[in-house]
Amino acid sequence: RPSFGHTLPGKMVYLCGSLQPSLAQCRWAFNKSAPCY
């Protein structure tokens, strides 16, 4: 899981409680500054 500098204005946060079929089915937040601080 390498890390990079953010290159795009939009930022997503994902939290999967289990092995979901796709990231879209995990809990997510869009452009919330706190988790991305």
ModelCIF file with pLDDT and N, C-alpha, C, O atoms, coordinates in Angstrom:
data_MODEL
#
_entry.id   MODEL 
#
_entity.id                         1 
_entity.type                       polymer 
_entity.pdbx_number_of_molecules   1 
#
_entity_poly.entity_id                      1 
_entity_poly.type                           'polypeptide(L)' 
_entity_poly.nstd_linkage                   no 
_entity_poly.nstd_monomer                   no 
_entity_poly.pdbx_seq_one_letter_code       RPSFGHTLPGKMVYLCGSLQPSLAQCRWAFNKSAPCY 
_entity_poly.pdbx_seq_one_letter_code_can   RPSFGHTLPGKMVYLCGSLQPSLAQCRWAFNKSAPCY 
_entity_poly.pdbx_strand_id                 A 
#
loop_
_entity_poly_seq.entity_id 
_entity_poly_seq.num 
_entity_poly_seq.mon_id 
_entity_poly_seq.hetero 
1 1  ARG n 
1 2  PRO n 
1 3  SER n 
1 4  PHE n 
1 5  GLY n 
1 6  HIS n 
1 7  THR n 
1 8  LEU n 
1 9  PRO n 
1 10 GLY n 
1 11 LYS n 
1 12 MET n 
1 13 VAL n 
1 14 TYR n 
1 15 LEU n 
1 16 CYS n 
1 17 GLY n 
1 18 SER n 
1 19 LEU n 
1 20 GLN n 
1 21 PRO n 
1 22 SER n 
1 23 LEU n 
1 24 ALA n 
1 25 GLN n 
1 26 CYS n 
1 27 ARG n 
1 28 TRP n 
1 29 ALA n 
1 30 PHE n 
1 31 ASN n 
1 32 LYS n 
1 33 SER n 
1 34 ALA n 
1 35 PRO n 
1 36 CYS n 
1 37 TYR n 
#
_struct_asym.id          A 
_struct_asym.entity_id   1 
#
loop_
_ma_qa_metric.id 
_ma_qa_metric.mode 
_ma_qa_metric.name 
_ma_qa_metric.software_group_id 
_ma_qa_metric.type 
1 global pLDDT . pLDDT 
2 local  pLDDT . pLDDT 
#
_ma_qa_metric_global.metric_id      1 
_ma_qa_metric_global.metric_value   88.22 
_ma_qa_metric_global.model_id       1 
_ma_qa_metric_global.ordinal_id     1 
#
loop_
_ma_qa_metric_local.label_asym_id 
_ma_qa_metric_local.label_comp_id 
_ma_qa_metric_local.label_seq_id 
_ma_qa_metric_local.metric_id 
_ma_qa_metric_local.metric_value 
_ma_qa_metric_local.model_id 
_ma_qa_metric_local.ordinal_id 
A ARG 1  2 91.00 1 1  
A PRO 2  2 86.00 1 2  
A SER 3  2 86.00 1 3  
A PHE 4  2 83.00 1 4  
A GLY 5  2 83.00 1 5  
A HIS 6  2 83.00 1 6  
A THR 7  2 75.00 1 7  
A LEU 8  2 79.00 1 8  
A PRO 9  2 82.00 1 9  
A GLY 10 2 86.00 1 10 
A LYS 11 2 91.00 1 11 
A MET 12 2 92.00 1 12 
A VAL 13 2 94.00 1 13 
A TYR 14 2 95.00 1 14 
A LEU 15 2 95.00 1 15 
A CYS 16 2 96.00 1 16 
A GLY 17 2 93.00 1 17 
A SER 18 2 95.00 1 18 
A LEU 19 2 94.00 1 19 
A GLN 20 2 93.00 1 20 
A PRO 21 2 90.00 1 21 
A SER 22 2 88.00 1 22 
A LEU 23 2 90.00 1 23 
A ALA 24 2 88.00 1 24 
A GLN 25 2 92.00 1 25 
A CYS 26 2 95.00 1 26 
A ARG 27 2 94.00 1 27 
A TRP 28 2 93.00 1 28 
A ALA 29 2 92.00 1 29 
A PHE 30 2 91.00 1 30 
A ASN 31 2 86.00 1 31 
A LYS 32 2 83.00 1 32 
A SER 33 2 77.00 1 33 
A ALA 34 2 81.00 1 34 
A PRO 35 2 81.00 1 35 
A CYS 36 2 88.00 1 36 
A TYR 37 2 83.00 1 37 
#
loop_
_atom_site.group_PDB 
_atom_site.id 
_atom_site.type_symbol 
_atom_site.label_atom_id 
_atom_site.label_alt_id 
_atom_site.label_comp_id 
_atom_site.label_asym_id 
_atom_site.label_entity_id 
_atom_site.label_seq_id 
_atom_site.pdbx_PDB_ins_code 
_atom_site.Cartn_x 
_atom_site.Cartn_y 
_atom_site.Cartn_z 
_atom_site.occupancy 
_atom_site.B_iso_or_equiv 
_atom_site.pdbx_formal_charge 
_atom_site.auth_seq_id 
_atom_site.auth_comp_id 
_atom_site.auth_asym_id 
_atom_site.auth_atom_id 
_atom_site.pdbx_PDB_model_num 
ATOM 1   N N  . ARG A 1 1  ? 0.851   -1.192 0.000  1.00 91.00 ? 1  ARG A N  1 
ATOM 2   C CA . ARG A 1 1  ? 0.000   0.000  0.000  1.00 91.00 ? 1  ARG A CA 1 
ATOM 3   C C  . ARG A 1 1  ? 0.887   1.241  0.000  1.00 91.00 ? 1  ARG A C  1 
ATOM 4   O O  . ARG A 1 1  ? 1.057   1.878  1.040  1.00 91.00 ? 1  ARG A O  1 
ATOM 5   N N  . PRO A 1 2  ? 1.447   1.588  -1.141 1.00 86.00 ? 2  PRO A N  1 
ATOM 6   C CA . PRO A 1 2  ? 2.313   2.773  -1.189 1.00 86.00 ? 2  PRO A CA 1 
ATOM 7   C C  . PRO A 1 2  ? 1.493   4.055  -1.021 1.00 86.00 ? 2  PRO A C  1 
ATOM 8   O O  . PRO A 1 2  ? 0.286   4.067  -1.263 1.00 86.00 ? 2  PRO A O  1 
ATOM 9   N N  . SER A 1 3  ? 2.159   5.125  -0.606 1.00 86.00 ? 3  SER A N  1 
ATOM 10  C CA . SER A 1 3  ? 1.495   6.415  -0.432 1.00 86.00 ? 3  SER A CA 1 
ATOM 11  C C  . SER A 1 3  ? 2.070   7.439  -1.400 1.00 86.00 ? 3  SER A C  1 
ATOM 12  O O  . SER A 1 3  ? 3.229   7.349  -1.804 1.00 86.00 ? 3  SER A O  1 
ATOM 13  N N  . PHE A 1 4  ? 1.241   8.412  -1.765 1.00 83.00 ? 4  PHE A N  1 
ATOM 14  C CA . PHE A 1 4  ? 1.639   9.458  -2.700 1.00 83.00 ? 4  PHE A CA 1 
ATOM 15  C C  . PHE A 1 4  ? 1.116   10.786 -2.196 1.00 83.00 ? 4  PHE A C  1 
ATOM 16  O O  . PHE A 1 4  ? 0.255   10.828 -1.317 1.00 83.00 ? 4  PHE A O  1 
ATOM 17  N N  . GLY A 1 5  ? 1.631   11.865 -2.744 1.00 83.00 ? 5  GLY A N  1 
ATOM 18  C CA . GLY A 1 5  ? 1.037   13.163 -2.464 1.00 83.00 ? 5  GLY A CA 1 
ATOM 19  C C  . GLY A 1 5  ? -0.301  13.250 -3.173 1.00 83.00 ? 5  GLY A C  1 
ATOM 20  O O  . GLY A 1 5  ? -0.470  12.690 -4.256 1.00 83.00 ? 5  GLY A O  1 
ATOM 21  N N  . HIS A 1 6  ? -1.263  13.957 -2.564 1.00 83.00 ? 6  HIS A N  1 
ATOM 22  C CA . HIS A 1 6  ? -2.557  14.153 -3.228 1.00 83.00 ? 6  HIS A CA 1 
ATOM 23  C C  . HIS A 1 6  ? -2.357  15.040 -4.454 1.00 83.00 ? 6  HIS A C  1 
ATOM 24  O O  . HIS A 1 6  ? -1.734  16.098 -4.372 1.00 83.00 ? 6  HIS A O  1 
ATOM 25  N N  . THR A 1 7  ? -2.897  14.593 -5.597 1.00 75.00 ? 7  THR A N  1 
ATOM 26  C CA . THR A 1 7  ? -2.736  15.359 -6.830 1.00 75.00 ? 7  THR A CA 1 
ATOM 27  C C  . THR A 1 7  ? -4.065  15.898 -7.340 1.00 75.00 ? 7  THR A C  1 
ATOM 28  O O  . THR A 1 7  ? -4.098  16.622 -8.335 1.00 75.00 ? 7  THR A O  1 
ATOM 29  N N  . LEU A 1 8  ? -5.161  15.554 -6.667 1.00 79.00 ? 8  LEU A N  1 
ATOM 30  C CA . LEU A 1 8  ? -6.486  15.960 -7.145 1.00 79.00 ? 8  LEU A CA 1 
ATOM 31  C C  . LEU A 1 8  ? -7.245  16.639 -6.016 1.00 79.00 ? 8  LEU A C  1 
ATOM 32  O O  . LEU A 1 8  ? -7.042  16.306 -4.849 1.00 79.00 ? 8  LEU A O  1 
ATOM 33  N N  . PRO A 1 9  ? -8.120  17.591 -6.348 1.00 82.00 ? 9  PRO A N  1 
ATOM 34  C CA . PRO A 1 9  ? -8.835  18.304 -5.294 1.00 82.00 ? 9  PRO A CA 1 
ATOM 35  C C  . PRO A 1 9  ? -9.825  17.436 -4.523 1.00 82.00 ? 9  PRO A C  1 
ATOM 36  O O  . PRO A 1 9  ? -10.010 17.623 -3.320 1.00 82.00 ? 9  PRO A O  1 
ATOM 37  N N  . GLY A 1 10 ? -10.464 16.481 -5.215 1.00 86.00 ? 10 GLY A N  1 
ATOM 38  C CA . GLY A 1 10 ? -11.422 15.612 -4.527 1.00 86.00 ? 10 GLY A CA 1 
ATOM 39  C C  . GLY A 1 10 ? -10.703 14.558 -3.701 1.00 86.00 ? 10 GLY A C  1 
ATOM 40  O O  . GLY A 1 10 ? -9.680  14.019 -4.122 1.00 86.00 ? 10 GLY A O  1 
ATOM 41  N N  . LYS A 1 11 ? -11.249 14.264 -2.511 1.00 91.00 ? 11 LYS A N  1 
ATOM 42  C CA . LYS A 1 11 ? -10.633 13.244 -1.649 1.00 91.00 ? 11 LYS A CA 1 
ATOM 43  C C  . LYS A 1 11 ? -11.727 12.345 -1.059 1.00 91.00 ? 11 LYS A C  1 
ATOM 44  O O  . LYS A 1 11 ? -12.744 12.817 -0.549 1.00 91.00 ? 11 LYS A O  1 
ATOM 45  N N  . MET A 1 12 ? -11.480 11.034 -1.149 1.00 92.00 ? 12 MET A N  1 
ATOM 46  C CA . MET A 1 12 ? -12.428 10.051 -0.626 1.00 92.00 ? 12 MET A CA 1 
ATOM 47  C C  . MET A 1 12 ? -11.807 9.300  0.546  1.00 92.00 ? 12 MET A C  1 
ATOM 48  O O  . MET A 1 12 ? -10.594 9.095  0.592  1.00 92.00 ? 12 MET A O  1 
ATOM 49  N N  . VAL A 1 13 ? -12.646 8.895  1.484  1.00 94.00 ? 13 VAL A N  1 
ATOM 50  C CA . VAL A 1 13 ? -12.222 8.020  2.579  1.00 94.00 ? 13 VAL A CA 1 
ATOM 51  C C  . VAL A 1 13 ? -13.098 6.772  2.529  1.00 94.00 ? 13 VAL A C  1 
ATOM 52  O O  . VAL A 1 13 ? -14.319 6.868  2.408  1.00 94.00 ? 13 VAL A O  1 
ATOM 53  N N  . TYR A 1 14 ? -12.469 5.604  2.623  1.00 95.00 ? 14 TYR A N  1 
ATOM 54  C CA . TYR A 1 14 ? -13.225 4.349  2.637  1.00 95.00 ? 14 TYR A CA 1 
ATOM 55  C C  . TYR A 1 14 ? -12.940 3.576  3.914  1.00 95.00 ? 14 TYR A C  1 
ATOM 56  O O  . TYR A 1 14 ? -11.817 3.575  4.419  1.00 95.00 ? 14 TYR A O  1 
ATOM 57  N N  . LEU A 1 15 ? -13.972 2.921  4.429  1.00 95.00 ? 15 LEU A N  1 
ATOM 58  C CA . LEU A 1 15 ? -13.812 2.061  5.602  1.00 95.00 ? 15 LEU A CA 1 
ATOM 59  C C  . LEU A 1 15 ? -14.679 0.835  5.375  1.00 95.00 ? 15 LEU A C  1 
ATOM 60  O O  . LEU A 1 15 ? -15.905 0.915  5.446  1.00 95.00 ? 15 LEU A O  1 
ATOM 61  N N  . CYS A 1 16 ? -14.038 -0.309 5.098  1.00 96.00 ? 16 CYS A N  1 
ATOM 62  C CA . CYS A 1 16 ? -14.770 -1.542 4.822  1.00 96.00 ? 16 CYS A CA 1 
ATOM 63  C C  . CYS A 1 16 ? -14.751 -2.404 6.080  1.00 96.00 ? 16 CYS A C  1 
ATOM 64  O O  . CYS A 1 16 ? -13.682 -2.783 6.558  1.00 96.00 ? 16 CYS A O  1 
ATOM 65  N N  . GLY A 1 17 ? -15.930 -2.716 6.618  1.00 93.00 ? 17 GLY A N  1 
ATOM 66  C CA . GLY A 1 17 ? -15.984 -3.558 7.811  1.00 93.00 ? 17 GLY A CA 1 
ATOM 67  C C  . GLY A 1 17 ? -15.704 -5.014 7.505  1.00 93.00 ? 17 GLY A C  1 
ATOM 68  O O  . GLY A 1 17 ? -15.292 -5.771 8.384  1.00 93.00 ? 17 GLY A O  1 
ATOM 69  N N  . SER A 1 18 ? -15.927 -5.412 6.250  1.00 95.00 ? 18 SER A N  1 
ATOM 70  C CA . SER A 1 18 ? -15.700 -6.799 5.840  1.00 95.00 ? 18 SER A CA 1 
ATOM 71  C C  . SER A 1 18 ? -15.312 -6.788 4.373  1.00 95.00 ? 18 SER A C  1 
ATOM 72  O O  . SER A 1 18 ? -15.260 -5.729 3.747  1.00 95.00 ? 18 SER A O  1 
ATOM 73  N N  . LEU A 1 19 ? -15.039 -7.963 3.823  1.00 94.00 ? 19 LEU A N  1 
ATOM 74  C CA . LEU A 1 19 ? -14.598 -8.074 2.434  1.00 94.00 ? 19 LEU A CA 1 
ATOM 75  C C  . LEU A 1 19 ? -15.783 -7.847 1.490  1.00 94.00 ? 19 LEU A C  1 
ATOM 76  O O  . LEU A 1 19 ? -16.380 -8.802 0.992  1.00 94.00 ? 19 LEU A O  1 
ATOM 77  N N  . GLN A 1 20 ? -16.111 -6.598 1.252  1.00 93.00 ? 20 GLN A N  1 
ATOM 78  C CA . GLN A 1 20 ? -17.235 -6.237 0.401  1.00 93.00 ? 20 GLN A CA 1 
ATOM 79  C C  . GLN A 1 20 ? -16.909 -6.539 -1.061 1.00 93.00 ? 20 GLN A C  1 
ATOM 80  O O  . GLN A 1 20 ? -15.738 -6.656 -1.423 1.00 93.00 ? 20 GLN A O  1 
ATOM 81  N N  . PRO A 1 21 ? -17.964 -6.670 -1.924 1.00 90.00 ? 21 PRO A N  1 
ATOM 82  C CA . PRO A 1 21 ? -17.702 -6.929 -3.343 1.00 90.00 ? 21 PRO A CA 1 
ATOM 83  C C  . PRO A 1 21 ? -17.030 -5.753 -4.050 1.00 90.00 ? 21 PRO A C  1 
ATOM 84  O O  . PRO A 1 21 ? -16.335 -5.960 -5.045 1.00 90.00 ? 21 PRO A O  1 
ATOM 85  N N  . SER A 1 22 ? -17.219 -4.522 -3.560 1.00 88.00 ? 22 SER A N  1 
ATOM 86  C CA . SER A 1 22 ? -16.514 -3.388 -4.156 1.00 88.00 ? 22 SER A CA 1 
ATOM 87  C C  . SER A 1 22 ? -16.419 -2.262 -3.134 1.00 88.00 ? 22 SER A C  1 
ATOM 88  O O  . SER A 1 22 ? -17.144 -2.254 -2.139 1.00 88.00 ? 22 SER A O  1 
ATOM 89  N N  . LEU A 1 23 ? -15.523 -1.313 -3.384 1.00 90.00 ? 23 LEU A N  1 
ATOM 90  C CA . LEU A 1 23 ? -15.360 -0.182 -2.471 1.00 90.00 ? 23 LEU A CA 1 
ATOM 91  C C  . LEU A 1 23 ? -16.655 0.605  -2.323 1.00 90.00 ? 23 LEU A C  1 
ATOM 92  O O  . LEU A 1 23 ? -16.916 1.192  -1.273 1.00 90.00 ? 23 LEU A O  1 
ATOM 93  N N  . ALA A 1 24 ? -17.467 0.615  -3.382 1.00 88.00 ? 24 ALA A N  1 
ATOM 94  C CA . ALA A 1 24 ? -18.711 1.381  -3.335 1.00 88.00 ? 24 ALA A CA 1 
ATOM 95  C C  . ALA A 1 24 ? -19.642 0.878  -2.230 1.00 88.00 ? 24 ALA A C  1 
ATOM 96  O O  . ALA A 1 24 ? -20.486 1.628  -1.741 1.00 88.00 ? 24 ALA A O  1 
ATOM 97  N N  . GLN A 1 25 ? -19.490 -0.390 -1.837 1.00 92.00 ? 25 GLN A N  1 
ATOM 98  C CA . GLN A 1 25 ? -20.352 -0.946 -0.790 1.00 92.00 ? 25 GLN A CA 1 
ATOM 99  C C  . GLN A 1 25 ? -19.797 -0.734 0.612  1.00 92.00 ? 25 GLN A C  1 
ATOM 100 O O  . GLN A 1 25 ? -20.449 -1.072 1.600  1.00 92.00 ? 25 GLN A O  1 
ATOM 101 N N  . CYS A 1 26 ? -18.588 -0.172 0.699  1.00 95.00 ? 26 CYS A N  1 
ATOM 102 C CA . CYS A 1 26 ? -18.012 0.136  2.014  1.00 95.00 ? 26 CYS A CA 1 
ATOM 103 C C  . CYS A 1 26 ? -18.523 1.495  2.491  1.00 95.00 ? 26 CYS A C  1 
ATOM 104 O O  . CYS A 1 26 ? -19.089 2.264  1.714  1.00 95.00 ? 26 CYS A O  1 
ATOM 105 N N  . ARG A 1 27 ? -18.319 1.777  3.770  1.00 94.00 ? 27 ARG A N  1 
ATOM 106 C CA . ARG A 1 27 ? -18.645 3.122  4.255  1.00 94.00 ? 27 ARG A CA 1 
ATOM 107 C C  . ARG A 1 27 ? -17.663 4.106  3.637  1.00 94.00 ? 27 ARG A C  1 
ATOM 108 O O  . ARG A 1 27 ? -16.469 3.821  3.534  1.00 94.00 ? 27 ARG A O  1 
ATOM 109 N N  . TRP A 1 28 ? -18.171 5.268  3.224  1.00 93.00 ? 28 TRP A N  1 
ATOM 110 C CA . TRP A 1 28 ? -17.288 6.227  2.570  1.00 93.00 ? 28 TRP A CA 1 
ATOM 111 C C  . TRP A 1 28 ? -17.670 7.642  2.962  1.00 93.00 ? 28 TRP A C  1 
ATOM 112 O O  . TRP A 1 28 ? -18.793 7.904  3.393  1.00 93.00 ? 28 TRP A O  1 
ATOM 113 N N  . ALA A 1 29 ? -16.729 8.537  2.807  1.00 92.00 ? 29 ALA A N  1 
ATOM 114 C CA . ALA A 1 29 ? -16.977 9.966  3.008  1.00 92.00 ? 29 ALA A CA 1 
ATOM 115 C C  . ALA A 1 29 ? -16.265 10.713 1.894  1.00 92.00 ? 29 ALA A C  1 
ATOM 116 O O  . ALA A 1 29 ? -15.182 10.313 1.465  1.00 92.00 ? 29 ALA A O  1 
ATOM 117 N N  . PHE A 1 30 ? -16.872 11.800 1.423  1.00 91.00 ? 30 PHE A N  1 
ATOM 118 C CA . PHE A 1 30 ? -16.319 12.574 0.314  1.00 91.00 ? 30 PHE A CA 1 
ATOM 119 C C  . PHE A 1 30 ? -16.002 13.994 0.776  1.00 91.00 ? 30 PHE A C  1 
ATOM 120 O O  . PHE A 1 30 ? -16.861 14.702 1.302  1.00 91.00 ? 30 PHE A O  1 
ATOM 121 N N  . ASN A 1 31 ? -14.753 14.391 0.567  1.00 86.00 ? 31 ASN A N  1 
ATOM 122 C CA . ASN A 1 31 ? -14.318 15.759 0.864  1.00 86.00 ? 31 ASN A CA 1 
ATOM 123 C C  . ASN A 1 31 ? -14.639 16.221 2.285  1.00 86.00 ? 31 ASN A C  1 
ATOM 124 O O  . ASN A 1 31 ? -15.014 17.373 2.501  1.00 86.00 ? 31 ASN A O  1 
ATOM 125 N N  . LYS A 1 32 ? -14.490 15.313 3.251  1.00 83.00 ? 32 LYS A N  1 
ATOM 126 C CA . LYS A 1 32 ? -14.560 15.703 4.655  1.00 83.00 ? 32 LYS A CA 1 
ATOM 127 C C  . LYS A 1 32 ? -13.116 15.935 5.104  1.00 83.00 ? 32 LYS A C  1 
ATOM 128 O O  . LYS A 1 32 ? -12.288 15.026 5.038  1.00 83.00 ? 32 LYS A O  1 
ATOM 129 N N  . SER A 1 33 ? -12.819 17.148 5.557  1.00 77.00 ? 33 SER A N  1 
ATOM 130 C CA . SER A 1 33 ? -11.409 17.472 5.790  1.00 77.00 ? 33 SER A CA 1 
ATOM 131 C C  . SER A 1 33 ? -10.812 16.706 6.970  1.00 77.00 ? 33 SER A C  1 
ATOM 132 O O  . SER A 1 33 ? -9.630  16.362 6.946  1.00 77.00 ? 33 SER A O  1 
ATOM 133 N N  . ALA A 1 34 ? -11.628 16.429 8.019  1.00 81.00 ? 34 ALA A N  1 
ATOM 134 C CA . ALA A 1 34 ? -11.052 15.841 9.231  1.00 81.00 ? 34 ALA A CA 1 
ATOM 135 C C  . ALA A 1 34 ? -10.322 14.516 8.998  1.00 81.00 ? 34 ALA A C  1 
ATOM 136 O O  . ALA A 1 34 ? -9.162  14.392 9.392  1.00 81.00 ? 34 ALA A O  1 
ATOM 137 N N  . PRO A 1 35 ? -10.976 13.501 8.358  1.00 81.00 ? 35 PRO A N  1 
ATOM 138 C CA . PRO A 1 35 ? -10.250 12.223 8.212  1.00 81.00 ? 35 PRO A CA 1 
ATOM 139 C C  . PRO A 1 35 ? -9.054  12.328 7.266  1.00 81.00 ? 35 PRO A C  1 
ATOM 140 O O  . PRO A 1 35 ? -8.155  11.488 7.305  1.00 81.00 ? 35 PRO A O  1 
ATOM 141 N N  . CYS A 1 36 ? -9.043  13.353 6.422  1.00 88.00 ? 36 CYS A N  1 
ATOM 142 C CA . CYS A 1 36 ? -7.954  13.482 5.465  1.00 88.00 ? 36 CYS A CA 1 
ATOM 143 C C  . CYS A 1 36 ? -6.862  14.429 5.944  1.00 88.00 ? 36 CYS A C  1 
ATOM 144 O O  . CYS A 1 36 ? -5.874  14.645 5.242  1.00 88.00 ? 36 CYS A O  1 
ATOM 145 N N  . TYR A 1 37 ? -7.032  14.984 7.114  1.00 83.00 ? 37 TYR A N  1 
ATOM 146 C CA . TYR A 1 37 ? -6.072  15.966 7.604  1.00 83.00 ? 37 TYR A CA 1 
ATOM 147 C C  . TYR A 1 37 ? -4.672  15.361 7.672  1.00 83.00 ? 37 TYR A C  1 
ATOM 148 O O  . TYR A 1 37 ? -3.724  16.041 8.064  1.00 83.00 ? 37 TYR A O  1 
#
